[in-house]
């Protein structure tokens, strides 16, 4: 993971999503990844952007960790890590799922 040589099993790009649709998309992607026995989900949230007002930018990125902690799939998540630059760097996360 650290070297970026492992390819994610599934990628979810949240560009263009609002908070509600992003949460639904994450839930569906986790459900599908778990059902398929996948281990690594690449979640592309986009970089947090500085701007006025700052709360309107980067809201999905700011909420992801809390969402995953309360997700119905939280017991199946082994770790959440920053993605390698090859996979989006600071604008992306790896969600590592537990083995079944």
PDB file of N, CA and C in Angstrom:
ATOM      1  N   UNK A   1       0.820  -1.191   0.000  1.00  0.00           N
ATOM      2  CA  UNK A   1       0.000   0.000   0.000  1.00  0.00           C
ATOM      3  C   UNK A   1       0.865   1.256   0.000  1.00  0.00           C
ATOM      4  N   UNK A   2       1.829   1.233   0.859  1.00  0.00           N
ATOM      5  CA  UNK A   2       2.670   2.414   1.029  1.00  0.00           C
ATOM      6  C   UNK A   2       3.363   2.815  -0.268  1.00  0.00           C
ATOM      7  N   UNK A   3       3.689   1.827  -1.097  1.00  0.00           N
ATOM      8  CA  UNK A   3       4.389   2.115  -2.344  1.00  0.00           C
ATOM      9  C   UNK A   3       3.439   2.375  -3.510  1.00  0.00           C
ATOM     10  N   UNK A   4       2.152   2.128  -3.316  1.00  0.00           N
ATOM     11  CA  UNK A   4       1.187   2.336  -4.380  1.00  0.00           C
ATOM     12  C   UNK A   4       1.150   1.223  -5.400  1.00  0.00           C
ATOM     13  N   UNK A   5       1.813   0.110  -5.104  1.00  0.00           N
ATOM     14  CA  UNK A   5       1.878  -0.993  -6.069  1.00  0.00           C
ATOM     15  C   UNK A   5       0.649  -1.887  -6.037  1.00  0.00           C
ATOM     16  N   UNK A   6      -0.111  -1.843  -4.963  1.00  0.00           N
ATOM     17  CA  UNK A   6      -1.328  -2.641  -4.885  1.00  0.00           C
ATOM     18  C   UNK A   6      -2.460  -1.854  -5.525  1.00  0.00           C
ATOM     19  N   UNK A   7      -3.156  -2.496  -6.446  1.00  0.00           N
ATOM     20  CA  UNK A   7      -4.296  -1.843  -7.080  1.00  0.00           C
ATOM     21  C   UNK A   7      -5.552  -2.103  -6.261  1.00  0.00           C
ATOM     22  N   UNK A   8      -6.355  -1.088  -6.047  1.00  0.00           N
ATOM     23  CA  UNK A   8      -7.609  -1.283  -5.319  1.00  0.00           C
ATOM     24  C   UNK A   8      -8.530  -2.230  -6.081  1.00  0.00           C
ATOM     25  N   UNK A   9      -9.351  -2.957  -5.341  1.00  0.00           N
ATOM     26  CA  UNK A   9     -10.318  -3.858  -5.953  1.00  0.00           C
ATOM     27  C   UNK A   9     -11.498  -3.092  -6.533  1.00  0.00           C
ATOM     28  N   UNK A  10     -11.815  -1.949  -5.939  1.00  0.00           N
ATOM     29  CA  UNK A  10     -12.955  -1.141  -6.363  1.00  0.00           C
ATOM     30  C   UNK A  10     -12.597   0.318  -6.108  1.00  0.00           C
ATOM     31  N   UNK A  11     -13.103   1.205  -6.959  1.00  0.00           N
ATOM     32  CA  UNK A  11     -12.881   2.643  -6.805  1.00  0.00           C
ATOM     33  C   UNK A  11     -14.221   3.350  -6.786  1.00  0.00           C
ATOM     34  N   UNK A  12     -14.358   4.278  -5.858  1.00  0.00           N
ATOM     35  CA  UNK A  12     -15.559   5.095  -5.769  1.00  0.00           C
ATOM     36  C   UNK A  12     -15.141   6.551  -5.806  1.00  0.00           C
ATOM     37  N   UNK A  13     -15.559   7.273  -6.843  1.00  0.00           N
ATOM     38  CA  UNK A  13     -15.244   8.689  -7.011  1.00  0.00           C
ATOM     39  C   UNK A  13     -16.453   9.507  -6.568  1.00  0.00           C
ATOM     40  N   UNK A  14     -16.265  10.330  -5.554  1.00  0.00           N
ATOM     41  CA  UNK A  14     -17.365  11.108  -4.993  1.00  0.00           C
ATOM     42  C   UNK A  14     -17.449  12.532  -5.527  1.00  0.00           C
ATOM     43  N   UNK A  15     -16.657  12.857  -6.546  1.00  0.00           N
ATOM     44  CA  UNK A  15     -16.758  14.188  -7.150  1.00  0.00           C
ATOM     45  C   UNK A  15     -18.175  14.395  -7.673  1.00  0.00           C
ATOM     46  N   UNK A  16     -18.736  15.553  -7.384  1.00  0.00           N
ATOM     47  CA  UNK A  16     -20.067  15.875  -7.863  1.00  0.00           C
ATOM     48  C   UNK A  16     -21.189  15.431  -6.940  1.00  0.00           C
ATOM     49  N   UNK A  17     -20.854  14.731  -5.863  1.00  0.00           N
ATOM     50  CA  UNK A  17     -21.870  14.277  -4.920  1.00  0.00           C
ATOM     51  C   UNK A  17     -22.085  15.314  -3.823  1.00  0.00           C
ATOM     52  N   UNK A  18     -23.299  15.390  -3.329  1.00  0.00           N
ATOM     53  CA  UNK A  18     -23.594  16.130  -2.112  1.00  0.00           C
ATOM     54  C   UNK A  18     -23.390  15.198  -0.931  1.00  0.00           C
ATOM     55  N   UNK A  19     -23.587  15.697   0.274  1.00  0.00           N
ATOM     56  CA  UNK A  19     -23.366  14.877   1.462  1.00  0.00           C
ATOM     57  C   UNK A  19     -24.260  13.639   1.490  1.00  0.00           C
ATOM     58  N   UNK A  20     -25.528  13.801   1.228  1.00  0.00           N
ATOM     59  CA  UNK A  20     -26.454  12.662   1.289  1.00  0.00           C
ATOM     60  C   UNK A  20     -26.142  11.609   0.234  1.00  0.00           C
ATOM     61  N   UNK A  21     -25.931  12.038  -0.997  1.00  0.00           N
ATOM     62  CA  UNK A  21     -25.666  11.048  -2.048  1.00  0.00           C
ATOM     63  C   UNK A  21     -24.294  10.403  -1.861  1.00  0.00           C
ATOM     64  N   UNK A  22     -23.333  11.126  -1.286  1.00  0.00           N
ATOM     65  CA  UNK A  22     -22.014  10.544  -1.019  1.00  0.00           C
ATOM     66  C   UNK A  22     -22.128   9.434   0.023  1.00  0.00           C
ATOM     67  N   UNK A  23     -22.886   9.685   1.085  1.00  0.00           N
ATOM     68  CA  UNK A  23     -23.081   8.679   2.122  1.00  0.00           C
ATOM     69  C   UNK A  23     -23.732   7.426   1.542  1.00  0.00           C
ATOM     70  N   UNK A  24     -24.751   7.598   0.712  1.00  0.00           N
ATOM     71  CA  UNK A  24     -25.425   6.461   0.085  1.00  0.00           C
ATOM     72  C   UNK A  24     -24.476   5.699  -0.840  1.00  0.00           C
ATOM     73  N   UNK A  25     -23.662   6.423  -1.589  1.00  0.00           N
ATOM     74  CA  UNK A  25     -22.724   5.789  -2.510  1.00  0.00           C
ATOM     75  C   UNK A  25     -21.669   4.987  -1.747  1.00  0.00           C
ATOM     76  N   UNK A  26     -21.187   5.526  -0.631  1.00  0.00           N
ATOM     77  CA  UNK A  26     -20.206   4.809   0.184  1.00  0.00           C
ATOM     78  C   UNK A  26     -20.825   3.531   0.738  1.00  0.00           C
ATOM     79  N   UNK A  27     -22.037   3.636   1.251  1.00  0.00           N
ATOM     80  CA  UNK A  27     -22.719   2.469   1.814  1.00  0.00           C
ATOM     81  C   UNK A  27     -22.892   1.375   0.762  1.00  0.00           C
ATOM     82  N   UNK A  28     -23.340   1.758  -0.439  1.00  0.00           N
ATOM     83  CA  UNK A  28     -23.528   0.776  -1.522  1.00  0.00           C
ATOM     84  C   UNK A  28     -22.198   0.151  -1.942  1.00  0.00           C
ATOM     85  N   UNK A  29     -21.152   0.974  -2.061  1.00  0.00           N
ATOM     86  CA  UNK A  29     -19.843   0.459  -2.477  1.00  0.00           C
ATOM     87  C   UNK A  29     -19.288  -0.510  -1.439  1.00  0.00           C
ATOM     88  N   UNK A  30     -19.448  -0.194  -0.165  1.00  0.00           N
ATOM     89  CA  UNK A  30     -18.995  -1.106   0.882  1.00  0.00           C
ATOM     90  C   UNK A  30     -19.770  -2.419   0.825  1.00  0.00           C
ATOM     91  N   UNK A  31     -21.072  -2.317   0.644  1.00  0.00           N
ATOM     92  CA  UNK A  31     -21.907  -3.521   0.563  1.00  0.00           C
ATOM     93  C   UNK A  31     -21.459  -4.416  -0.590  1.00  0.00           C
ATOM     94  N   UNK A  32     -21.224  -3.818  -1.738  1.00  0.00           N
ATOM     95  CA  UNK A  32     -20.806  -4.588  -2.918  1.00  0.00           C
ATOM     96  C   UNK A  32     -19.410  -5.177  -2.744  1.00  0.00           C
ATOM     97  N   UNK A  33     -18.501  -4.389  -2.171  1.00  0.00           N
ATOM     98  CA  UNK A  33     -17.136  -4.877  -1.952  1.00  0.00           C
ATOM     99  C   UNK A  33     -17.118  -6.049  -0.990  1.00  0.00           C
ATOM    100  N   UNK A  34     -17.882  -5.944   0.079  1.00  0.00           N
ATOM    101  CA  UNK A  34     -17.951  -7.024   1.060  1.00  0.00           C
ATOM    102  C   UNK A  34     -18.551  -8.274   0.427  1.00  0.00           C
ATOM    103  N   UNK A  35     -19.634  -8.124  -0.309  1.00  0.00           N
ATOM    104  CA  UNK A  35     -20.287  -9.265  -0.962  1.00  0.00           C
ATOM    105  C   UNK A  35     -19.363  -9.946  -1.963  1.00  0.00           C
ATOM    106  N   UNK A  36     -18.514  -9.166  -2.618  1.00  0.00           N
ATOM    107  CA  UNK A  36     -17.604  -9.714  -3.623  1.00  0.00           C
ATOM    108  C   UNK A  36     -16.302 -10.241  -3.017  1.00  0.00           C
ATOM    109  N   UNK A  37     -16.112 -10.084  -1.708  1.00  0.00           N
ATOM    110  CA  UNK A  37     -14.889 -10.562  -1.064  1.00  0.00           C
ATOM    111  C   UNK A  37     -13.681  -9.699  -1.350  1.00  0.00           C
ATOM    112  N   UNK A  38     -13.908  -8.454  -1.695  1.00  0.00           N
ATOM    113  CA  UNK A  38     -12.804  -7.542  -2.005  1.00  0.00           C
ATOM    114  C   UNK A  38     -12.151  -7.055  -0.720  1.00  0.00           C
ATOM    115  N   UNK A  39     -10.914  -6.594  -0.838  1.00  0.00           N
ATOM    116  CA  UNK A  39     -10.166  -6.157   0.335  1.00  0.00           C
ATOM    117  C   UNK A  39      -9.901  -4.657   0.375  1.00  0.00           C
ATOM    118  N   UNK A  40      -9.719  -4.018  -0.795  1.00  0.00           N
ATOM    119  CA  UNK A  40      -9.318  -2.613  -0.808  1.00  0.00           C
ATOM    120  C   UNK A  40     -10.261  -1.794  -1.677  1.00  0.00           C
ATOM    121  N   UNK A  41     -10.873  -0.807  -1.056  1.00  0.00           N
ATOM    122  CA  UNK A  41     -11.750   0.144  -1.747  1.00  0.00           C
ATOM    123  C   UNK A  41     -11.042   1.483  -1.763  1.00  0.00           C
ATOM    124  N   UNK A  42     -10.858   2.049  -2.941  1.00  0.00           N
ATOM    125  CA  UNK A  42     -10.277   3.379  -3.070  1.00  0.00           C
ATOM    126  C   UNK A  42     -11.406   4.383  -3.107  1.00  0.00           C
ATOM    127  N   UNK A  43     -11.407   5.288  -2.146  1.00  0.00           N
ATOM    128  CA  UNK A  43     -12.446   6.302  -2.023  1.00  0.00           C
ATOM    129  C   UNK A  43     -11.854   7.648  -2.411  1.00  0.00           C
ATOM    130  N   UNK A  44     -12.324   8.211  -3.522  1.00  0.00           N
ATOM    131  CA  UNK A  44     -11.822   9.501  -3.995  1.00  0.00           C
ATOM    132  C   UNK A  44     -12.777  10.583  -3.514  1.00  0.00           C
ATOM    133  N   UNK A  45     -12.300  11.377  -2.573  1.00  0.00           N
ATOM    134  CA  UNK A  45     -13.133  12.433  -1.990  1.00  0.00           C
ATOM    135  C   UNK A  45     -12.795  13.801  -2.551  1.00  0.00           C
ATOM    136  N   UNK A  46     -11.613  13.957  -3.067  1.00  0.00           N
ATOM    137  CA  UNK A  46     -11.141  15.266  -3.511  1.00  0.00           C
ATOM    138  C   UNK A  46     -10.398  15.955  -2.381  1.00  0.00           C
ATOM    139  N   UNK A  47      -9.539  16.851  -2.742  1.00  0.00           N
ATOM    140  CA  UNK A  47      -8.757  17.584  -1.752  1.00  0.00           C
ATOM    141  C   UNK A  47      -9.621  18.620  -1.060  1.00  0.00           C
ATOM    142  N   UNK A  48      -9.326  18.841   0.207  1.00  0.00           N
ATOM    143  CA  UNK A  48      -9.986  19.931   0.911  1.00  0.00           C
ATOM    144  C   UNK A  48      -9.469  21.229   0.316  1.00  0.00           C
ATOM    145  N   UNK A  49     -10.382  22.094  -0.039  1.00  0.00           N
ATOM    146  CA  UNK A  49      -9.991  23.372  -0.640  1.00  0.00           C
ATOM    147  C   UNK A  49     -10.200  24.490   0.360  1.00  0.00           C
ATOM    148  N   UNK A  50      -9.289  25.390   0.366  1.00  0.00           N
ATOM    149  CA  UNK A  50      -9.427  26.574   1.210  1.00  0.00           C
ATOM    150  C   UNK A  50     -10.316  27.565   0.484  1.00  0.00           C
ATOM    151  N   UNK A  51     -11.164  28.232   1.183  1.00  0.00           N
ATOM    152  CA  UNK A  51     -12.031  29.197   0.524  1.00  0.00           C
ATOM    153  C   UNK A  51     -13.059  29.760   1.476  1.00  0.00           C
ATOM    154  N   UNK A  52     -13.840  30.669   1.010  1.00  0.00           N
ATOM    155  CA  UNK A  52     -14.875  31.317   1.814  1.00  0.00           C
ATOM    156  C   UNK A  52     -16.230  30.781   1.449  1.00  0.00           C
ATOM    157  N   UNK A  53     -17.054  30.432   2.351  1.00  0.00           N
ATOM    158  CA  UNK A  53     -16.676  30.033   3.709  1.00  0.00           C
ATOM    159  C   UNK A  53     -16.066  28.641   3.689  1.00  0.00           C
ATOM    160  N   UNK A  54     -15.120  28.358   4.561  1.00  0.00           N
ATOM    161  CA  UNK A  54     -14.408  27.076   4.493  1.00  0.00           C
ATOM    162  C   UNK A  54     -15.297  25.871   4.743  1.00  0.00           C
ATOM    163  N   UNK A  55     -16.411  26.025   5.433  1.00  0.00           N
ATOM    164  CA  UNK A  55     -17.276  24.881   5.718  1.00  0.00           C
ATOM    165  C   UNK A  55     -17.985  24.353   4.484  1.00  0.00           C
ATOM    166  N   UNK A  56     -18.062  25.140   3.429  1.00  0.00           N
ATOM    167  CA  UNK A  56     -18.724  24.688   2.210  1.00  0.00           C
ATOM    168  C   UNK A  56     -17.806  23.887   1.299  1.00  0.00           C
ATOM    169  N   UNK A  57     -16.555  23.817   1.640  1.00  0.00           N
ATOM    170  CA  UNK A  57     -15.605  23.091   0.807  1.00  0.00           C
ATOM    171  C   UNK A  57     -15.009  21.936   1.598  1.00  0.00           C
ATOM    172  N   UNK A  58     -14.882  20.793   0.990  1.00  0.00           N
ATOM    173  CA  UNK A  58     -14.267  19.643   1.638  1.00  0.00           C
ATOM    174  C   UNK A  58     -15.155  18.979   2.686  1.00  0.00           C
ATOM    175  N   UNK A  59     -16.457  19.152   2.583  1.00  0.00           N
ATOM    176  CA  UNK A  59     -17.364  18.594   3.592  1.00  0.00           C
ATOM    177  C   UNK A  59     -17.402  17.075   3.563  1.00  0.00           C
ATOM    178  N   UNK A  60     -17.352  16.482   2.385  1.00  0.00           N
ATOM    179  CA  UNK A  60     -17.372  15.019   2.293  1.00  0.00           C
ATOM    180  C   UNK A  60     -16.114  14.458   2.945  1.00  0.00           C
ATOM    181  N   UNK A  61     -14.977  15.016   2.583  1.00  0.00           N
ATOM    182  CA  UNK A  61     -13.697  14.559   3.143  1.00  0.00           C
ATOM    183  C   UNK A  61     -13.709  14.653   4.668  1.00  0.00           C
ATOM    184  N   UNK A  62     -14.266  15.736   5.182  1.00  0.00           N
ATOM    185  CA  UNK A  62     -14.310  15.941   6.630  1.00  0.00           C
ATOM    186  C   UNK A  62     -15.230  14.946   7.324  1.00  0.00           C
ATOM    187  N   UNK A  63     -16.259  14.467   6.640  1.00  0.00           N
ATOM    188  CA  UNK A  63     -17.255  13.599   7.260  1.00  0.00           C
ATOM    189  C   UNK A  63     -16.950  12.107   7.115  1.00  0.00           C
ATOM    190  N   UNK A  64     -16.076  11.731   6.215  1.00  0.00           N
ATOM    191  CA  UNK A  64     -15.876  10.316   5.879  1.00  0.00           C
ATOM    192  C   UNK A  64     -15.527   9.462   7.095  1.00  0.00           C
ATOM    193  N   UNK A  65     -14.593   9.876   7.915  1.00  0.00           N
ATOM    194  CA  UNK A  65     -14.170   9.050   9.049  1.00  0.00           C
ATOM    195  C   UNK A  65     -15.324   8.829  10.029  1.00  0.00           C
ATOM    196  N   UNK A  66     -16.106   9.867  10.279  1.00  0.00           N
ATOM    197  CA  UNK A  66     -17.268   9.714  11.166  1.00  0.00           C
ATOM    198  C   UNK A  66     -18.301   8.786  10.545  1.00  0.00           C
ATOM    199  N   UNK A  67     -18.542   8.934   9.241  1.00  0.00           N
ATOM    200  CA  UNK A  67     -19.506   8.072   8.558  1.00  0.00           C
ATOM    201  C   UNK A  67     -19.097   6.610   8.671  1.00  0.00           C
ATOM    202  N   UNK A  68     -17.817   6.344   8.422  1.00  0.00           N
ATOM    203  CA  UNK A  68     -17.349   4.961   8.448  1.00  0.00           C
ATOM    204  C   UNK A  68     -17.443   4.372   9.857  1.00  0.00           C
ATOM    205  N   UNK A  69     -17.217   5.197  10.875  1.00  0.00           N
ATOM    206  CA  UNK A  69     -17.281   4.721  12.255  1.00  0.00           C
ATOM    207  C   UNK A  69     -18.689   4.293  12.655  1.00  0.00           C
ATOM    208  N   UNK A  70     -19.706   4.934  12.081  1.00  0.00           N
ATOM    209  CA  UNK A  70     -21.091   4.593  12.437  1.00  0.00           C
ATOM    210  C   UNK A  70     -21.784   3.769  11.350  1.00  0.00           C
ATOM    211  N   UNK A  71     -21.058   3.418  10.328  1.00  0.00           N
ATOM    212  CA  UNK A  71     -21.623   2.646   9.226  1.00  0.00           C
ATOM    213  C   UNK A  71     -22.085   1.272   9.692  1.00  0.00           C
ATOM    214  N   UNK A  72     -23.090   0.741   9.014  1.00  0.00           N
ATOM    215  CA  UNK A  72     -23.534  -0.628   9.304  1.00  0.00           C
ATOM    216  C   UNK A  72     -22.448  -1.635   8.943  1.00  0.00           C
ATOM    217  N   UNK A  73     -21.439  -1.177   8.200  1.00  0.00           N
ATOM    218  CA  UNK A  73     -20.330  -2.035   7.788  1.00  0.00           C
ATOM    219  C   UNK A  73     -19.077  -1.817   8.637  1.00  0.00           C
ATOM    220  N   UNK A  74     -19.169  -1.034   9.691  1.00  0.00           N
ATOM    221  CA  UNK A  74     -17.976  -0.656  10.463  1.00  0.00           C
ATOM    222  C   UNK A  74     -17.210  -1.867  11.001  1.00  0.00           C
ATOM    223  N   UNK A  75     -17.900  -2.926  11.355  1.00  0.00           N
ATOM    224  CA  UNK A  75     -17.215  -4.109  11.882  1.00  0.00           C
ATOM    225  C   UNK A  75     -16.410  -4.835  10.807  1.00  0.00           C
ATOM    226  N   UNK A  76     -16.679  -4.554   9.554  1.00  0.00           N
ATOM    227  CA  UNK A  76     -15.964  -5.188   8.432  1.00  0.00           C
ATOM    228  C   UNK A  76     -14.790  -4.344   7.945  1.00  0.00           C
ATOM    229  N   UNK A  77     -14.635  -3.124   8.490  1.00  0.00           N
ATOM    230  CA  UNK A  77     -13.546  -2.240   8.083  1.00  0.00           C
ATOM    231  C   UNK A  77     -12.354  -2.455   9.005  1.00  0.00           C
ATOM    232  N   UNK A  78     -11.235  -2.880   8.428  1.00  0.00           N
ATOM    233  CA  UNK A  78     -10.020  -3.121   9.204  1.00  0.00           C
ATOM    234  C   UNK A  78      -9.237  -1.833   9.420  1.00  0.00           C
ATOM    235  N   UNK A  79      -9.198  -0.961   8.402  1.00  0.00           N
ATOM    236  CA  UNK A  79      -8.415   0.270   8.507  1.00  0.00           C
ATOM    237  C   UNK A  79      -8.828   1.253   7.415  1.00  0.00           C
ATOM    238  N   UNK A  80      -8.525   2.503   7.668  1.00  0.00           N
ATOM    239  CA  UNK A  80      -8.691   3.569   6.674  1.00  0.00           C
ATOM    240  C   UNK A  80      -7.343   4.276   6.602  1.00  0.00           C
ATOM    241  N   UNK A  81      -6.779   4.333   5.420  1.00  0.00           N
ATOM    242  CA  UNK A  81      -5.440   4.899   5.245  1.00  0.00           C
ATOM    243  C   UNK A  81      -5.441   5.930   4.122  1.00  0.00           C
ATOM    244  N   UNK A  82      -4.525   6.862   4.216  1.00  0.00           N
ATOM    245  CA  UNK A  82      -4.327   7.830   3.138  1.00  0.00           C
ATOM    246  C   UNK A  82      -3.818   7.080   1.913  1.00  0.00           C
ATOM    247  N   UNK A  83      -4.299   7.469   0.760  1.00  0.00           N
ATOM    248  CA  UNK A  83      -3.906   6.804  -0.486  1.00  0.00           C
ATOM    249  C   UNK A  83      -2.528   7.280  -0.944  1.00  0.00           C
ATOM    250  N   UNK A  84      -1.874   6.418  -1.662  1.00  0.00           N
ATOM    251  CA  UNK A  84      -0.598   6.758  -2.285  1.00  0.00           C
ATOM    252  C   UNK A  84      -0.841   7.824  -3.351  1.00  0.00           C
ATOM    253  N   UNK A  85       0.161   8.595  -3.622  1.00  0.00           N
ATOM    254  CA  UNK A  85       0.060   9.657  -4.629  1.00  0.00           C
ATOM    255  C   UNK A  85      -0.414   9.112  -5.975  1.00  0.00           C
ATOM    256  N   UNK A  86      -0.022   7.898  -6.303  1.00  0.00           N
ATOM    257  CA  UNK A  86      -0.446   7.267  -7.561  1.00  0.00           C
ATOM    258  C   UNK A  86      -1.966   7.096  -7.633  1.00  0.00           C
ATOM    259  N   UNK A  87      -2.612   6.973  -6.466  1.00  0.00           N
ATOM    260  CA  UNK A  87      -4.054   6.768  -6.406  1.00  0.00           C
ATOM    261  C   UNK A  87      -4.808   8.005  -5.922  1.00  0.00           C
ATOM    262  N   UNK A  88      -4.184   9.154  -5.979  1.00  0.00           N
ATOM    263  CA  UNK A  88      -4.881  10.385  -5.616  1.00  0.00           C
ATOM    264  C   UNK A  88      -4.336  11.098  -4.399  1.00  0.00           C
ATOM    265  N   UNK A  89      -3.406  10.480  -3.694  1.00  0.00           N
ATOM    266  CA  UNK A  89      -2.772  11.129  -2.552  1.00  0.00           C
ATOM    267  C   UNK A  89      -3.751  11.666  -1.530  1.00  0.00           C
ATOM    268  N   UNK A  90      -3.594  12.924  -1.162  1.00  0.00           N
ATOM    269  CA  UNK A  90      -4.397  13.555  -0.127  1.00  0.00           C
ATOM    270  C   UNK A  90      -5.868  13.671  -0.448  1.00  0.00           C
ATOM    271  N   UNK A  91      -6.245  13.456  -1.684  1.00  0.00           N
ATOM    272  CA  UNK A  91      -7.649  13.534  -2.059  1.00  0.00           C
ATOM    273  C   UNK A  91      -8.354  12.191  -2.070  1.00  0.00           C
ATOM    274  N   UNK A  92      -7.647  11.137  -1.603  1.00  0.00           N
ATOM    275  CA  UNK A  92      -8.203   9.793  -1.643  1.00  0.00           C
ATOM    276  C   UNK A  92      -7.843   9.016  -0.386  1.00  0.00           C
ATOM    277  N   UNK A  93      -8.637   7.994  -0.127  1.00  0.00           N
ATOM    278  CA  UNK A  93      -8.417   7.118   1.020  1.00  0.00           C
ATOM    279  C   UNK A  93      -8.547   5.658   0.597  1.00  0.00           C
ATOM    280  N   UNK A  94      -7.780   4.794   1.230  1.00  0.00           N
ATOM    281  CA  UNK A  94      -7.990   3.365   1.074  1.00  0.00           C
ATOM    282  C   UNK A  94      -8.852   2.910   2.243  1.00  0.00           C
ATOM    283  N   UNK A  95      -9.898   2.161   1.958  1.00  0.00           N
ATOM    284  CA  UNK A  95     -10.672   1.492   3.000  1.00  0.00           C
ATOM    285  C   UNK A  95     -10.308   0.028   2.883  1.00  0.00           C
ATOM    286  N   UNK A  96      -9.649  -0.492   3.915  1.00  0.00           N
ATOM    287  CA  UNK A  96      -9.215  -1.881   3.909  1.00  0.00           C
ATOM    288  C   UNK A  96     -10.252  -2.705   4.671  1.00  0.00           C
ATOM    289  N   UNK A  97     -10.774  -3.707   3.995  1.00  0.00           N
ATOM    290  CA  UNK A  97     -11.822  -4.537   4.587  1.00  0.00           C
ATOM    291  C   UNK A  97     -11.216  -5.796   5.196  1.00  0.00           C
ATOM    292  N   UNK A  98     -11.840  -6.264   6.260  1.00  0.00           N
ATOM    293  CA  UNK A  98     -11.384  -7.489   6.927  1.00  0.00           C
ATOM    294  C   UNK A  98     -11.623  -8.691   6.028  1.00  0.00           C
ATOM    295  N   UNK A  99     -10.771  -9.674   6.212  1.00  0.00           N
ATOM    296  CA  UNK A  99     -10.962 -10.951   5.504  1.00  0.00           C
ATOM    297  C   UNK A  99     -12.160 -11.668   6.100  1.00  0.00           C
ATOM    298  N   UNK A 100     -12.837 -12.422   5.259  1.00  0.00           N
ATOM    299  CA  UNK A 100     -13.998 -13.168   5.765  1.00  0.00           C
ATOM    300  C   UNK A 100     -13.584 -14.507   6.319  1.00  0.00           C
TER     301      UNK A 100
END
